[in-house]
Amino acid sequence: MRIETIFDKTFPARVDNMFDVVGEVIGKLERSLNGYQVGELFNIKVILNELLVNSIRHGCKCDVNKAVTINCSIREDGRLVLRISDEGNGYDYCNILEQEICDIFSLDDNMKECGRGILIVRSLCEDLSFNSEGNEVEVILKL
């Protein structure tokens, strides 16, 4: 299966770097996907923001000596593949993925803050998977 790489970058784990990277990815996608507008790329922007924040804050613990890598490609079948990895120790993502999607929208005071971003991402994509260490995530979306 042919894959066209749209974006591939490694950057220091700083939140202020993340905003520029998300803008770069969205810009490259706009140019690569004729007819797509910024509004149509909103879900991709949400996914990128959530996953990059997780990698920087939780994975790398905001340690600028650690790096985050993002790869964005389009498969021949028209699906977008986003892969984000970090130099952190990873985490137990299984517990997060076992939560129900309705939990993220609960107004209950006992609602868990941890893991909400991953559940939002899961609700916006076709497939979400992690490597065994929990420091790399792959998201697949139909364009």
C-alpha atoms as a PDB file:
ATOM      1  CA  MET A   1       0.000   0.000   0.000  1.00  0.00           C
ATOM      2  CA  ARG A   2       1.408   3.364  -1.029  1.00  0.00           C
ATOM      3  CA  ILE A   3       1.788   5.966   1.714  1.00  0.00           C
ATOM      4  CA  GLU A   4       2.490   9.650   1.118  1.00  0.00           C
ATOM      5  CA  THR A   5       4.258  11.335   4.017  1.00  0.00           C
ATOM      6  CA  ILE A   6       2.862  14.817   4.558  1.00  0.00           C
ATOM      7  CA  PHE A   7       4.767  15.812   7.678  1.00  0.00           C
ATOM      8  CA  ASP A   8       7.565  14.364   9.787  1.00  0.00           C
ATOM      9  CA  LYS A   9       9.174  16.331  12.592  1.00  0.00           C
ATOM     10  CA  THR A  10      10.895  15.906  15.945  1.00  0.00           C
ATOM     11  CA  PHE A  11      10.857  18.818  18.381  1.00  0.00           C
ATOM     12  CA  PRO A  12      11.741  19.564  22.033  1.00  0.00           C
ATOM     13  CA  ALA A  13       8.954  18.770  24.516  1.00  0.00           C
ATOM     14  CA  ARG A  14       7.677  22.309  25.069  1.00  0.00           C
ATOM     15  CA  VAL A  15       3.994  23.220  24.880  1.00  0.00           C
ATOM     16  CA  ASP A  16       4.734  26.460  23.031  1.00  0.00           C
ATOM     17  CA  ASN A  17       6.434  24.416  20.268  1.00  0.00           C
ATOM     18  CA  MET A  18       3.260  22.365  19.902  1.00  0.00           C
ATOM     19  CA  PHE A  19       1.113  25.207  18.578  1.00  0.00           C
ATOM     20  CA  ASP A  20       3.506  25.904  15.713  1.00  0.00           C
ATOM     21  CA  VAL A  21       3.722  22.199  14.872  1.00  0.00           C
ATOM     22  CA  VAL A  22      -0.073  21.809  14.779  1.00  0.00           C
ATOM     23  CA  GLY A  23      -0.274  24.844  12.481  1.00  0.00           C
ATOM     24  CA  GLU A  24       2.386  23.367  10.206  1.00  0.00           C
ATOM     25  CA  VAL A  25       0.581  20.020   9.967  1.00  0.00           C
ATOM     26  CA  ILE A  26      -2.784  21.635   9.227  1.00  0.00           C
ATOM     27  CA  GLY A  27      -1.155  23.872   6.594  1.00  0.00           C
ATOM     28  CA  LYS A  28       0.504  20.894   4.901  1.00  0.00           C
ATOM     29  CA  LEU A  29      -2.779  18.978   4.921  1.00  0.00           C
ATOM     30  CA  GLU A  30      -4.637  21.921   3.396  1.00  0.00           C
ATOM     31  CA  ARG A  31      -2.122  22.040   0.561  1.00  0.00           C
ATOM     32  CA  SER A  32      -2.062  18.252   0.094  1.00  0.00           C
ATOM     33  CA  LEU A  33      -5.823  17.699   0.251  1.00  0.00           C
ATOM     34  CA  ASN A  34      -7.299  19.800  -2.482  1.00  0.00           C
ATOM     35  CA  GLY A  35     -10.727  21.042  -1.478  1.00  0.00           C
ATOM     36  CA  TYR A  36     -10.310  20.630   2.286  1.00  0.00           C
ATOM     37  CA  GLN A  37     -10.845  23.797   4.265  1.00  0.00           C
ATOM     38  CA  VAL A  38      -9.627  24.749   7.739  1.00  0.00           C
ATOM     39  CA  GLY A  39     -13.091  24.056   9.189  1.00  0.00           C
ATOM     40  CA  GLU A  40     -13.094  20.551   7.771  1.00  0.00           C
ATOM     41  CA  LEU A  41      -9.751  19.897   9.444  1.00  0.00           C
ATOM     42  CA  PHE A  42     -11.041  20.876  12.886  1.00  0.00           C
ATOM     43  CA  ASN A  43     -11.211  17.298  14.218  1.00  0.00           C
ATOM     44  CA  ILE A  44      -7.646  16.676  13.080  1.00  0.00           C
ATOM     45  CA  LYS A  45      -6.548  19.810  14.920  1.00  0.00           C
ATOM     46  CA  VAL A  46      -8.325  18.661  18.100  1.00  0.00           C
ATOM     47  CA  ILE A  47      -6.686  15.226  17.839  1.00  0.00           C
ATOM     48  CA  LEU A  48      -3.237  16.707  17.301  1.00  0.00           C
ATOM     49  CA  ASN A  49      -3.599  19.123  20.208  1.00  0.00           C
ATOM     50  CA  GLU A  50      -4.748  16.407  22.603  1.00  0.00           C
ATOM     51  CA  LEU A  51      -2.075  13.893  21.635  1.00  0.00           C
ATOM     52  CA  LEU A  52       0.778  16.391  21.584  1.00  0.00           C
ATOM     53  CA  VAL A  53      -0.192  17.839  24.965  1.00  0.00           C
ATOM     54  CA  ASN A  54      -0.233  14.297  26.372  1.00  0.00           C
ATOM     55  CA  SER A  55       3.206  13.550  24.947  1.00  0.00           C
ATOM     56  CA  ILE A  56       4.717  16.784  26.201  1.00  0.00           C
ATOM     57  CA  ARG A  57       3.116  17.016  29.641  1.00  0.00           C
ATOM     58  CA  HIS A  58       2.583  13.392  30.613  1.00  0.00           C
ATOM     59  CA  GLY A  59       5.118  11.544  28.487  1.00  0.00           C
ATOM     60  CA  CYS A  60       8.101  13.880  28.632  1.00  0.00           C
ATOM     61  CA  LYS A  61       7.035  15.690  31.822  1.00  0.00           C
ATOM     62  CA  CYS A  62       7.774  18.993  29.997  1.00  0.00           C
ATOM     63  CA  ASP A  63      11.474  18.098  29.955  1.00  0.00           C
ATOM     64  CA  VAL A  64      12.894  20.121  27.037  1.00  0.00           C
ATOM     65  CA  ASN A  65      15.788  17.672  26.867  1.00  0.00           C
ATOM     66  CA  LYS A  66      13.286  15.070  25.657  1.00  0.00           C
ATOM     67  CA  ALA A  67      11.682  15.100  22.228  1.00  0.00           C
ATOM     68  CA  VAL A  68       8.326  14.451  20.624  1.00  0.00           C
ATOM     69  CA  THR A  69       8.055  13.116  17.077  1.00  0.00           C
ATOM     70  CA  ILE A  70       5.038  13.501  14.838  1.00  0.00           C
ATOM     71  CA  ASN A  71       4.489  11.770  11.517  1.00  0.00           C
ATOM     72  CA  CYS A  72       1.484  12.486   9.333  1.00  0.00           C
ATOM     73  CA  SER A  73       0.813  10.487   6.188  1.00  0.00           C
ATOM     74  CA  ILE A  74      -1.976   9.617   3.813  1.00  0.00           C
ATOM     75  CA  ARG A  75      -2.513   6.030   2.773  1.00  0.00           C
ATOM     76  CA  GLU A  76      -3.558   4.972  -0.683  1.00  0.00           C
ATOM     77  CA  ASP A  77      -7.014   4.102   0.665  1.00  0.00           C
ATOM     78  CA  GLY A  78      -7.565   7.772   1.590  1.00  0.00           C
ATOM     79  CA  ARG A  79      -6.982   7.416   5.303  1.00  0.00           C
ATOM     80  CA  LEU A  80      -4.886   9.793   7.327  1.00  0.00           C
ATOM     81  CA  VAL A  81      -2.369   8.230   9.698  1.00  0.00           C
ATOM     82  CA  LEU A  82      -1.052  10.303  12.591  1.00  0.00           C
ATOM     83  CA  ARG A  83       1.759   8.813  14.653  1.00  0.00           C
ATOM     84  CA  ILE A  84       3.075  10.613  17.715  1.00  0.00           C
ATOM     85  CA  SER A  85       5.835   9.302  19.939  1.00  0.00           C
ATOM     86  CA  ASP A  86       7.823  10.708  22.817  1.00  0.00           C
ATOM     87  CA  GLU A  87      10.917   9.877  24.833  1.00  0.00           C
ATOM     88  CA  GLY A  88       8.933   9.388  28.032  1.00  0.00           C
ATOM     89  CA  ASN A  89       8.443   6.133  29.914  1.00  0.00           C
ATOM     90  CA  GLY A  90       4.928   5.600  28.567  1.00  0.00           C
ATOM     91  CA  TYR A  91       1.809   4.881  30.596  1.00  0.00           C
ATOM     92  CA  ASP A  92      -0.912   2.328  31.141  1.00  0.00           C
ATOM     93  CA  TYR A  93      -3.294   3.382  28.383  1.00  0.00           C
ATOM     94  CA  CYS A  94      -5.505   0.305  28.803  1.00  0.00           C
ATOM     95  CA  ASN A  95      -7.261   1.753  31.864  1.00  0.00           C
ATOM     96  CA  ILE A  96      -8.078   4.952  29.972  1.00  0.00           C
ATOM     97  CA  LEU A  97      -9.456   3.133  26.928  1.00  0.00           C
ATOM     98  CA  GLU A  98     -11.722   0.992  29.111  1.00  0.00           C
ATOM     99  CA  GLN A  99     -13.652   4.086  30.228  1.00  0.00           C
ATOM    100  CA  GLU A 100     -16.940   4.733  28.546  1.00  0.00           C
ATOM    101  CA  ILE A 101     -17.090   7.650  26.124  1.00  0.00           C
ATOM    102  CA  CYS A 102     -20.080   9.089  27.998  1.00  0.00           C
ATOM    103  CA  ASP A 103     -17.807   9.492  31.057  1.00  0.00           C
ATOM    104  CA  ILE A 104     -15.965  12.364  29.375  1.00  0.00           C
ATOM    105  CA  PHE A 105     -19.166  14.377  29.080  1.00  0.00           C
ATOM    106  CA  SER A 106     -20.383  13.695  32.609  1.00  0.00           C
ATOM    107  CA  LEU A 107     -21.056  16.667  34.849  1.00  0.00           C
ATOM    108  CA  ASP A 108     -20.583  14.519  37.935  1.00  0.00           C
ATOM    109  CA  ASP A 109     -18.077  15.928  40.444  1.00  0.00           C
ATOM    110  CA  ASN A 110     -16.363  12.529  40.498  1.00  0.00           C
ATOM    111  CA  MET A 111     -15.507  12.719  36.796  1.00  0.00           C
ATOM    112  CA  LYS A 112     -11.895  11.802  36.167  1.00  0.00           C
ATOM    113  CA  GLU A 113      -9.726  14.523  34.671  1.00  0.00           C
ATOM    114  CA  CYS A 114      -7.029  12.081  33.612  1.00  0.00           C
ATOM    115  CA  GLY A 115      -7.557  10.448  30.230  1.00  0.00           C
ATOM    116  CA  ARG A 116     -10.316  12.679  28.903  1.00  0.00           C
ATOM    117  CA  GLY A 117      -8.178  13.744  25.919  1.00  0.00           C
ATOM    118  CA  ILE A 118      -7.592  10.159  24.809  1.00  0.00           C
ATOM    119  CA  LEU A 119     -11.317   9.428  25.019  1.00  0.00           C
ATOM    120  CA  ILE A 120     -12.077  12.512  22.930  1.00  0.00           C
ATOM    121  CA  VAL A 121      -9.509  11.401  20.345  1.00  0.00           C
ATOM    122  CA  ARG A 122     -11.004   7.894  20.296  1.00  0.00           C
ATOM    123  CA  SER A 123     -14.433   9.382  19.589  1.00  0.00           C
ATOM    124  CA  LEU A 124     -13.091  11.374  16.613  1.00  0.00           C
ATOM    125  CA  CYS A 125     -11.098   8.705  14.784  1.00  0.00           C
ATOM    126  CA  GLU A 126     -11.571   5.312  13.171  1.00  0.00           C
ATOM    127  CA  ASP A 127      -8.751   3.592  14.996  1.00  0.00           C
ATOM    128  CA  LEU A 128      -6.516   4.405  17.956  1.00  0.00           C
ATOM    129  CA  SER A 129      -3.610   2.187  18.988  1.00  0.00           C
ATOM    130  CA  PHE A 130      -0.560   2.377  21.228  1.00  0.00           C
ATOM    131  CA  ASN A 131       2.774   0.622  21.239  1.00  0.00           C
ATOM    132  CA  SER A 132       3.421  -1.758  24.139  1.00  0.00           C
ATOM    133  CA  GLU A 133       5.293   0.880  26.181  1.00  0.00           C
ATOM    134  CA  GLY A 134       2.524   3.462  25.829  1.00  0.00           C
ATOM    135  CA  ASN A 135       4.807   6.185  24.459  1.00  0.00           C
ATOM    136  CA  GLU A 136       3.649   6.012  20.849  1.00  0.00           C
ATOM    137  CA  VAL A 137       0.121   6.426  19.575  1.00  0.00           C
ATOM    138  CA  GLU A 138      -1.259   5.922  16.079  1.00  0.00           C
ATOM    139  CA  VAL A 139      -4.550   7.397  14.931  1.00  0.00           C
ATOM    140  CA  ILE A 140      -6.294   6.563  11.668  1.00  0.00           C
ATOM    141  CA  LEU A 141      -8.979   8.783  10.182  1.00  0.00           C
ATOM    142  CA  LYS A 142     -10.972   8.560   6.990  1.00  0.00           C
ATOM    143  CA  LEU A 143     -10.619  11.727   4.946  1.00  0.00           C
END
